[in-house]
Amino acid sequence: MKTSQRFAVAVIAVSIGVTGAVVTSGRAEIDGAAPVVKMKTSQFGNVLATRGRKALYYWNVEKRDFKIHCTGACARAWPPLLVRSRGAVPQRVAGIRGKFGVIRRPDGKLQVTHNRLPIYTYAHERPNQVLCNNVDGWFVVRT
């Protein structure tokens, strides 16, 4: 297969969503396309979510210095959105305001950030739910 044909196949695969999302130890790890999507909710409007449609949150405590403070029991209740490489996170995602990046967690794993803030899911939420906005300093990421 020619290089141009392989590129076209790769573009088509990404555009139709041929990617894999794996949950490991309660933490989402994403391969392929951008690890986030925009999700419409009746209560909060458009919010940031995982590709599995779990709402994403930031913690006000981390807004002071943009460093990871949610570890241990906190990270079990609020699983960080993890990726395997920096290349898995584009700086911009079409249709979503803000800038994305990654931060290295104390355990060495890479966590997705939105506007420099590390982002998390809530362990006790199902897809398409937002249960914890403005709870103990946790806020859903609005887009």
N, C-alpha and C. Protein backbone atom coordinates (compact mmCIF):
# COMPACT_ATOMS: atom_id res chain seq x y z
N MET A 1 0.85 -1.18 0.00
CA MET A 1 0.00 0.00 0.00
C MET A 1 0.89 1.23 0.00
N LYS A 2 0.58 2.21 -0.85
CA LYS A 2 1.35 3.43 -0.93
C LYS A 2 1.15 4.27 0.33
N THR A 3 2.12 5.14 0.60
CA THR A 3 2.05 6.01 1.78
C THR A 3 0.79 6.86 1.76
N SER A 4 0.43 7.42 0.61
CA SER A 4 -0.77 8.26 0.53
C SER A 4 -2.03 7.46 0.82
N GLN A 5 -2.06 6.20 0.39
CA GLN A 5 -3.22 5.35 0.67
C GLN A 5 -3.30 5.02 2.16
N ARG A 6 -2.15 4.72 2.79
CA ARG A 6 -2.14 4.44 4.23
C ARG A 6 -2.62 5.65 5.01
N PHE A 7 -2.19 6.84 4.60
CA PHE A 7 -2.61 8.07 5.26
C PHE A 7 -4.11 8.24 5.13
N ALA A 8 -4.66 8.01 3.94
CA ALA A 8 -6.10 8.14 3.72
C ALA A 8 -6.88 7.15 4.58
N VAL A 9 -6.40 5.93 4.67
CA VAL A 9 -7.06 4.92 5.51
C VAL A 9 -7.02 5.36 6.97
N ALA A 10 -5.88 5.89 7.42
CA ALA A 10 -5.76 6.34 8.81
C ALA A 10 -6.72 7.49 9.10
N VAL A 11 -6.82 8.44 8.16
CA VAL A 11 -7.73 9.57 8.33
C VAL A 11 -9.17 9.09 8.41
N ILE A 12 -9.54 8.17 7.55
CA ILE A 12 -10.90 7.63 7.56
C ILE A 12 -11.17 6.89 8.87
N ALA A 13 -10.23 6.09 9.32
CA ALA A 13 -10.40 5.33 10.57
C ALA A 13 -10.62 6.27 11.75
N VAL A 14 -9.83 7.34 11.82
CA VAL A 14 -9.99 8.30 12.91
C VAL A 14 -11.32 9.03 12.79
N SER A 15 -11.70 9.42 11.57
CA SER A 15 -12.94 10.19 11.40
C SER A 15 -14.19 9.37 11.70
N ILE A 16 -14.13 8.05 11.56
CA ILE A 16 -15.31 7.26 11.90
C ILE A 16 -15.22 6.68 13.31
N GLY A 17 -14.16 7.05 14.01
CA GLY A 17 -14.07 6.68 15.41
C GLY A 17 -13.50 5.31 15.69
N VAL A 18 -12.62 4.81 14.84
CA VAL A 18 -11.99 3.52 15.12
C VAL A 18 -10.84 3.78 16.10
N THR A 19 -11.21 3.87 17.38
CA THR A 19 -10.24 4.09 18.43
C THR A 19 -10.61 3.19 19.58
N GLY A 20 -9.71 3.04 20.52
CA GLY A 20 -10.01 2.19 21.67
C GLY A 20 -9.92 2.96 22.96
N ALA A 21 -10.87 2.75 23.85
CA ALA A 21 -10.81 3.32 25.20
C ALA A 21 -10.75 2.16 26.16
N VAL A 22 -9.77 2.20 27.03
CA VAL A 22 -9.57 1.12 27.98
C VAL A 22 -9.63 1.70 29.38
N VAL A 23 -10.37 1.06 30.27
CA VAL A 23 -10.37 1.49 31.66
C VAL A 23 -9.49 0.54 32.45
N THR A 24 -8.47 1.09 33.07
CA THR A 24 -7.53 0.30 33.84
C THR A 24 -7.50 0.83 35.26
N SER A 25 -7.77 -0.01 36.24
CA SER A 25 -7.74 0.37 37.64
C SER A 25 -8.61 1.59 37.91
N GLY A 26 -9.75 1.67 37.25
CA GLY A 26 -10.66 2.78 37.48
C GLY A 26 -10.26 4.06 36.80
N ARG A 27 -9.21 4.03 36.01
CA ARG A 27 -8.76 5.24 35.33
C ARG A 27 -8.90 5.04 33.83
N ALA A 28 -9.39 6.06 33.15
CA ALA A 28 -9.58 5.94 31.71
C ALA A 28 -8.25 6.17 31.00
N GLU A 29 -7.91 5.29 30.10
CA GLU A 29 -6.74 5.47 29.25
C GLU A 29 -7.22 5.40 27.81
N ILE A 30 -6.82 6.35 27.02
CA ILE A 30 -7.35 6.52 25.68
C ILE A 30 -6.26 6.28 24.63
N ASP A 31 -6.61 5.56 23.57
CA ASP A 31 -5.74 5.39 22.41
C ASP A 31 -6.45 6.02 21.22
N GLY A 32 -5.71 6.73 20.37
CA GLY A 32 -6.30 7.21 19.14
C GLY A 32 -6.73 8.66 19.20
N ALA A 33 -7.98 8.93 18.84
CA ALA A 33 -8.51 10.28 18.71
C ALA A 33 -8.50 11.02 20.05
N ALA A 34 -8.87 12.31 20.00
CA ALA A 34 -8.90 13.14 21.21
C ALA A 34 -9.65 12.41 22.33
N PRO A 35 -9.13 12.47 23.54
CA PRO A 35 -9.73 11.72 24.64
C PRO A 35 -10.98 12.36 25.24
N VAL A 36 -11.42 13.48 24.66
CA VAL A 36 -12.59 14.18 25.19
C VAL A 36 -13.60 14.49 24.10
N VAL A 37 -14.85 14.67 24.54
CA VAL A 37 -15.93 15.08 23.64
C VAL A 37 -16.77 16.12 24.36
N LYS A 38 -17.60 16.80 23.60
CA LYS A 38 -18.56 17.73 24.18
C LYS A 38 -19.86 16.96 24.40
N MET A 39 -20.44 17.10 25.59
CA MET A 39 -21.69 16.41 25.91
C MET A 39 -22.73 17.44 26.35
N LYS A 40 -23.91 17.37 25.76
CA LYS A 40 -24.99 18.29 26.09
C LYS A 40 -25.78 17.74 27.27
N THR A 41 -25.97 18.59 28.30
CA THR A 41 -26.78 18.20 29.45
C THR A 41 -27.91 19.20 29.62
N SER A 42 -29.02 18.77 30.17
CA SER A 42 -30.14 19.69 30.36
C SER A 42 -29.84 20.69 31.48
N GLN A 43 -29.12 20.29 32.49
CA GLN A 43 -28.86 21.14 33.64
C GLN A 43 -27.69 22.11 33.44
N PHE A 44 -26.64 21.68 32.76
CA PHE A 44 -25.42 22.48 32.67
C PHE A 44 -25.05 22.91 31.25
N GLY A 45 -25.85 22.56 30.27
CA GLY A 45 -25.50 22.87 28.89
C GLY A 45 -24.40 21.95 28.42
N ASN A 46 -23.49 22.47 27.62
CA ASN A 46 -22.39 21.65 27.09
C ASN A 46 -21.30 21.50 28.14
N VAL A 47 -20.92 20.26 28.39
CA VAL A 47 -19.83 19.96 29.33
C VAL A 47 -18.82 19.06 28.65
N LEU A 48 -17.64 19.02 29.22
CA LEU A 48 -16.58 18.15 28.72
C LEU A 48 -16.80 16.75 29.27
N ALA A 49 -16.58 15.74 28.43
CA ALA A 49 -16.78 14.34 28.85
C ALA A 49 -15.73 13.46 28.20
N THR A 50 -15.60 12.25 28.75
CA THR A 50 -14.73 11.27 28.13
C THR A 50 -15.42 10.76 26.87
N ARG A 51 -14.71 10.02 26.06
CA ARG A 51 -15.33 9.43 24.87
C ARG A 51 -16.43 8.45 25.29
N GLY A 52 -16.37 7.93 26.50
CA GLY A 52 -17.42 7.07 27.05
C GLY A 52 -18.55 7.85 27.69
N ARG A 53 -18.56 9.17 27.50
CA ARG A 53 -19.62 10.09 27.94
C ARG A 53 -19.73 10.21 29.46
N LYS A 54 -18.60 10.09 30.15
CA LYS A 54 -18.57 10.38 31.58
C LYS A 54 -18.12 11.83 31.74
N ALA A 55 -18.88 12.60 32.51
CA ALA A 55 -18.57 14.02 32.72
C ALA A 55 -17.17 14.17 33.31
N LEU A 56 -16.52 15.26 32.94
CA LEU A 56 -15.19 15.57 33.45
C LEU A 56 -15.25 16.78 34.38
N TYR A 57 -14.43 16.72 35.42
CA TYR A 57 -14.43 17.72 36.48
C TYR A 57 -13.03 18.26 36.71
N TYR A 58 -12.97 19.46 37.30
CA TYR A 58 -11.71 19.98 37.83
C TYR A 58 -11.94 20.25 39.31
N TRP A 59 -10.85 20.31 40.07
CA TRP A 59 -10.91 20.53 41.50
C TRP A 59 -10.32 21.90 41.80
N ASN A 60 -11.09 22.74 42.48
CA ASN A 60 -10.66 24.10 42.80
C ASN A 60 -9.31 24.16 43.52
N VAL A 61 -9.01 23.17 44.33
CA VAL A 61 -7.74 23.12 45.06
C VAL A 61 -6.56 23.20 44.08
N GLU A 62 -6.70 22.59 42.92
CA GLU A 62 -5.61 22.57 41.95
C GLU A 62 -5.53 23.85 41.13
N LYS A 63 -6.52 24.72 41.28
CA LYS A 63 -6.54 25.98 40.55
C LYS A 63 -5.49 26.95 41.10
N ARG A 64 -5.08 26.76 42.36
CA ARG A 64 -4.09 27.66 42.98
C ARG A 64 -2.74 27.58 42.29
N ASP A 65 -2.30 26.35 41.97
CA ASP A 65 -0.95 26.20 41.43
C ASP A 65 -0.87 25.28 40.21
N PHE A 66 -2.03 24.79 39.73
CA PHE A 66 -2.09 23.92 38.54
C PHE A 66 -1.25 22.66 38.71
N LYS A 67 -1.16 22.15 39.95
CA LYS A 67 -0.43 20.92 40.23
C LYS A 67 -1.40 19.86 40.74
N ILE A 68 -0.98 18.60 40.66
CA ILE A 68 -1.80 17.47 41.10
C ILE A 68 -1.84 17.44 42.63
N HIS A 69 -3.04 17.49 43.19
CA HIS A 69 -3.23 17.34 44.63
C HIS A 69 -4.15 16.15 44.93
N CYS A 70 -4.84 15.64 43.92
CA CYS A 70 -5.78 14.53 44.10
C CYS A 70 -5.04 13.21 43.83
N THR A 71 -4.64 12.54 44.90
CA THR A 71 -3.95 11.26 44.81
C THR A 71 -4.58 10.30 45.82
N GLY A 72 -4.16 9.06 45.84
CA GLY A 72 -4.63 8.09 46.83
C GLY A 72 -6.14 7.91 46.80
N ALA A 73 -6.78 8.05 47.97
CA ALA A 73 -8.24 7.88 48.09
C ALA A 73 -8.98 8.89 47.22
N CYS A 74 -8.44 10.09 47.12
CA CYS A 74 -9.07 11.11 46.27
C CYS A 74 -9.13 10.62 44.82
N ALA A 75 -8.02 10.09 44.32
CA ALA A 75 -7.97 9.62 42.93
C ALA A 75 -8.81 8.37 42.71
N ARG A 76 -9.10 7.62 43.76
CA ARG A 76 -10.02 6.48 43.62
C ARG A 76 -11.45 6.98 43.47
N ALA A 77 -11.81 8.02 44.19
CA ALA A 77 -13.15 8.60 44.07
C ALA A 77 -13.27 9.45 42.81
N TRP A 78 -12.19 10.11 42.43
CA TRP A 78 -12.15 11.00 41.27
C TRP A 78 -11.05 10.51 40.32
N PRO A 79 -11.32 9.45 39.55
CA PRO A 79 -10.28 8.90 38.67
C PRO A 79 -9.79 9.93 37.64
N PRO A 80 -8.49 10.14 37.57
CA PRO A 80 -7.95 11.08 36.59
C PRO A 80 -8.10 10.53 35.17
N LEU A 81 -8.25 11.43 34.22
CA LEU A 81 -8.28 11.03 32.81
C LEU A 81 -6.83 10.90 32.37
N LEU A 82 -6.41 9.67 32.14
CA LEU A 82 -5.01 9.37 31.79
C LEU A 82 -4.87 9.04 30.32
N VAL A 83 -3.70 9.32 29.80
CA VAL A 83 -3.33 8.94 28.43
C VAL A 83 -1.95 8.30 28.47
N ARG A 84 -1.65 7.55 27.45
CA ARG A 84 -0.35 6.86 27.40
C ARG A 84 0.79 7.73 26.89
N SER A 85 0.42 8.79 26.13
CA SER A 85 1.48 9.66 25.59
C SER A 85 0.96 11.07 25.41
N ARG A 86 1.89 12.00 25.38
CA ARG A 86 1.53 13.41 25.14
C ARG A 86 0.87 13.58 23.77
N GLY A 87 1.31 12.77 22.82
CA GLY A 87 0.77 12.85 21.47
C GLY A 87 -0.70 12.47 21.36
N ALA A 88 -1.25 11.83 22.39
CA ALA A 88 -2.66 11.43 22.38
C ALA A 88 -3.59 12.60 22.68
N VAL A 89 -3.01 13.75 23.02
CA VAL A 89 -3.83 14.90 23.41
C VAL A 89 -3.50 16.10 22.52
N PRO A 90 -4.40 16.42 21.59
CA PRO A 90 -4.18 17.62 20.78
C PRO A 90 -4.39 18.87 21.63
N GLN A 91 -3.69 19.96 21.30
CA GLN A 91 -3.87 21.20 22.06
C GLN A 91 -5.28 21.75 21.89
N ARG A 92 -5.84 21.59 20.72
CA ARG A 92 -7.19 22.08 20.43
C ARG A 92 -8.04 20.92 19.93
N VAL A 93 -9.32 20.92 20.32
CA VAL A 93 -10.27 19.92 19.85
C VAL A 93 -11.42 20.67 19.19
N ALA A 94 -11.73 20.33 17.95
CA ALA A 94 -12.78 21.01 17.19
C ALA A 94 -14.09 21.03 17.98
N GLY A 95 -14.69 22.23 18.08
CA GLY A 95 -15.97 22.37 18.74
C GLY A 95 -15.91 22.51 20.25
N ILE A 96 -14.71 22.47 20.82
CA ILE A 96 -14.55 22.58 22.27
C ILE A 96 -13.61 23.76 22.57
N ARG A 97 -14.10 24.68 23.41
CA ARG A 97 -13.27 25.83 23.79
C ARG A 97 -12.18 25.40 24.75
N GLY A 98 -11.07 26.10 24.70
CA GLY A 98 -9.99 25.86 25.64
C GLY A 98 -8.84 25.09 25.02
N LYS A 99 -7.79 24.99 25.82
CA LYS A 99 -6.56 24.35 25.38
C LYS A 99 -6.32 23.10 26.22
N PHE A 100 -5.90 22.03 25.57
CA PHE A 100 -5.64 20.76 26.23
C PHE A 100 -4.15 20.50 26.32
N GLY A 101 -3.79 19.68 27.27
CA GLY A 101 -2.40 19.28 27.45
C GLY A 101 -2.35 18.10 28.40
N VAL A 102 -1.16 17.85 28.94
CA VAL A 102 -1.00 16.78 29.92
C VAL A 102 -0.10 17.27 31.05
N ILE A 103 -0.25 16.60 32.19
CA ILE A 103 0.61 16.85 33.35
C ILE A 103 1.03 15.48 33.88
N ARG A 104 2.25 15.40 34.37
CA ARG A 104 2.73 14.13 34.93
C ARG A 104 2.29 14.03 36.39
N ARG A 105 1.61 12.91 36.69
CA ARG A 105 1.15 12.65 38.05
C ARG A 105 2.31 12.16 38.92
N PRO A 106 2.18 12.21 40.25
CA PRO A 106 3.26 11.72 41.11
C PRO A 106 3.66 10.27 40.83
N ASP A 107 2.73 9.43 40.31
CA ASP A 107 3.08 8.05 39.98
C ASP A 107 3.71 7.90 38.60
N GLY A 108 3.91 9.03 37.91
CA GLY A 108 4.57 9.03 36.60
C GLY A 108 3.62 8.97 35.42
N LYS A 109 2.34 8.70 35.65
CA LYS A 109 1.38 8.63 34.55
C LYS A 109 1.03 10.03 34.05
N LEU A 110 0.53 10.09 32.82
CA LEU A 110 0.17 11.37 32.21
C LEU A 110 -1.34 11.60 32.31
N GLN A 111 -1.72 12.75 32.84
CA GLN A 111 -3.13 13.11 33.01
C GLN A 111 -3.48 14.26 32.07
N VAL A 112 -4.67 14.20 31.49
CA VAL A 112 -5.14 15.24 30.59
C VAL A 112 -5.46 16.50 31.39
N THR A 113 -5.12 17.65 30.81
CA THR A 113 -5.49 18.94 31.39
C THR A 113 -6.35 19.72 30.41
N HIS A 114 -7.17 20.60 30.96
CA HIS A 114 -7.98 21.54 30.17
C HIS A 114 -7.71 22.91 30.76
N ASN A 115 -7.20 23.80 29.95
CA ASN A 115 -6.79 25.13 30.42
C ASN A 115 -5.89 25.01 31.65
N ARG A 116 -4.92 24.10 31.58
CA ARG A 116 -3.89 23.84 32.59
C ARG A 116 -4.41 23.10 33.81
N LEU A 117 -5.71 22.88 33.95
CA LEU A 117 -6.24 22.17 35.12
C LEU A 117 -6.37 20.68 34.85
N PRO A 118 -5.84 19.84 35.72
CA PRO A 118 -6.02 18.39 35.57
C PRO A 118 -7.53 18.07 35.61
N ILE A 119 -7.96 17.10 34.80
CA ILE A 119 -9.38 16.76 34.76
C ILE A 119 -9.61 15.31 35.16
N TYR A 120 -10.80 15.10 35.76
CA TYR A 120 -11.14 13.84 36.41
C TYR A 120 -12.58 13.45 36.10
N THR A 121 -12.88 12.16 36.23
CA THR A 121 -14.26 11.69 36.23
C THR A 121 -14.66 11.49 37.69
N TYR A 122 -15.91 11.11 37.93
CA TYR A 122 -16.36 10.77 39.27
C TYR A 122 -16.71 9.29 39.27
N ALA A 123 -16.12 8.53 40.18
CA ALA A 123 -16.22 7.07 40.18
C ALA A 123 -17.66 6.56 40.30
N HIS A 124 -18.55 7.31 40.92
CA HIS A 124 -19.91 6.84 41.17
C HIS A 124 -20.93 7.37 40.17
N GLU A 125 -20.45 7.89 39.06
CA GLU A 125 -21.34 8.37 38.01
C GLU A 125 -21.38 7.39 36.86
N ARG A 126 -22.53 7.33 36.23
CA ARG A 126 -22.68 6.57 34.99
C ARG A 126 -22.51 7.54 33.83
N PRO A 127 -22.38 7.03 32.63
CA PRO A 127 -22.33 7.92 31.46
C PRO A 127 -23.57 8.81 31.42
N ASN A 128 -23.40 10.00 30.90
CA ASN A 128 -24.48 10.99 30.71
C ASN A 128 -25.02 11.53 32.03
N GLN A 129 -24.28 11.43 33.12
CA GLN A 129 -24.69 11.99 34.41
C GLN A 129 -23.73 13.09 34.84
N VAL A 130 -24.26 14.07 35.57
CA VAL A 130 -23.45 15.07 36.25
C VAL A 130 -24.02 15.18 37.65
N LEU A 131 -23.35 14.53 38.62
CA LEU A 131 -23.86 14.47 39.99
C LEU A 131 -23.16 15.42 40.96
N CYS A 132 -21.97 15.87 40.62
CA CYS A 132 -21.15 16.51 41.65
C CYS A 132 -20.68 17.92 41.32
N ASN A 133 -21.42 18.68 40.57
CA ASN A 133 -21.00 20.04 40.31
C ASN A 133 -21.12 20.86 41.60
N ASN A 134 -20.07 21.60 41.92
CA ASN A 134 -20.02 22.45 43.11
C ASN A 134 -20.16 21.62 44.39
N VAL A 135 -19.49 20.48 44.44
CA VAL A 135 -19.47 19.63 45.62
C VAL A 135 -18.02 19.56 46.11
N ASP A 136 -17.77 20.05 47.30
CA ASP A 136 -16.42 20.03 47.90
C ASP A 136 -15.34 20.58 46.97
N GLY A 137 -15.67 21.60 46.22
CA GLY A 137 -14.69 22.23 45.34
C GLY A 137 -14.53 21.59 43.97
N TRP A 138 -15.37 20.58 43.66
CA TRP A 138 -15.32 19.93 42.35
C TRP A 138 -16.37 20.58 41.43
N PHE A 139 -15.97 20.88 40.19
CA PHE A 139 -16.87 21.52 39.23
C PHE A 139 -16.79 20.82 37.88
N VAL A 140 -17.93 20.64 37.26
CA VAL A 140 -17.98 20.06 35.92
C VAL A 140 -17.34 21.08 34.97
N VAL A 141 -16.62 20.58 33.98
CA VAL A 141 -15.96 21.46 33.00
C VAL A 141 -16.99 21.82 31.94
N ARG A 142 -17.36 23.08 31.91
CA ARG A 142 -18.32 23.56 30.90
C ARG A 142 -17.57 24.00 29.66
N THR A 143 -18.17 23.76 28.50
CA THR A 143 -17.51 24.15 27.24
C THR A 143 -18.35 25.14 26.47
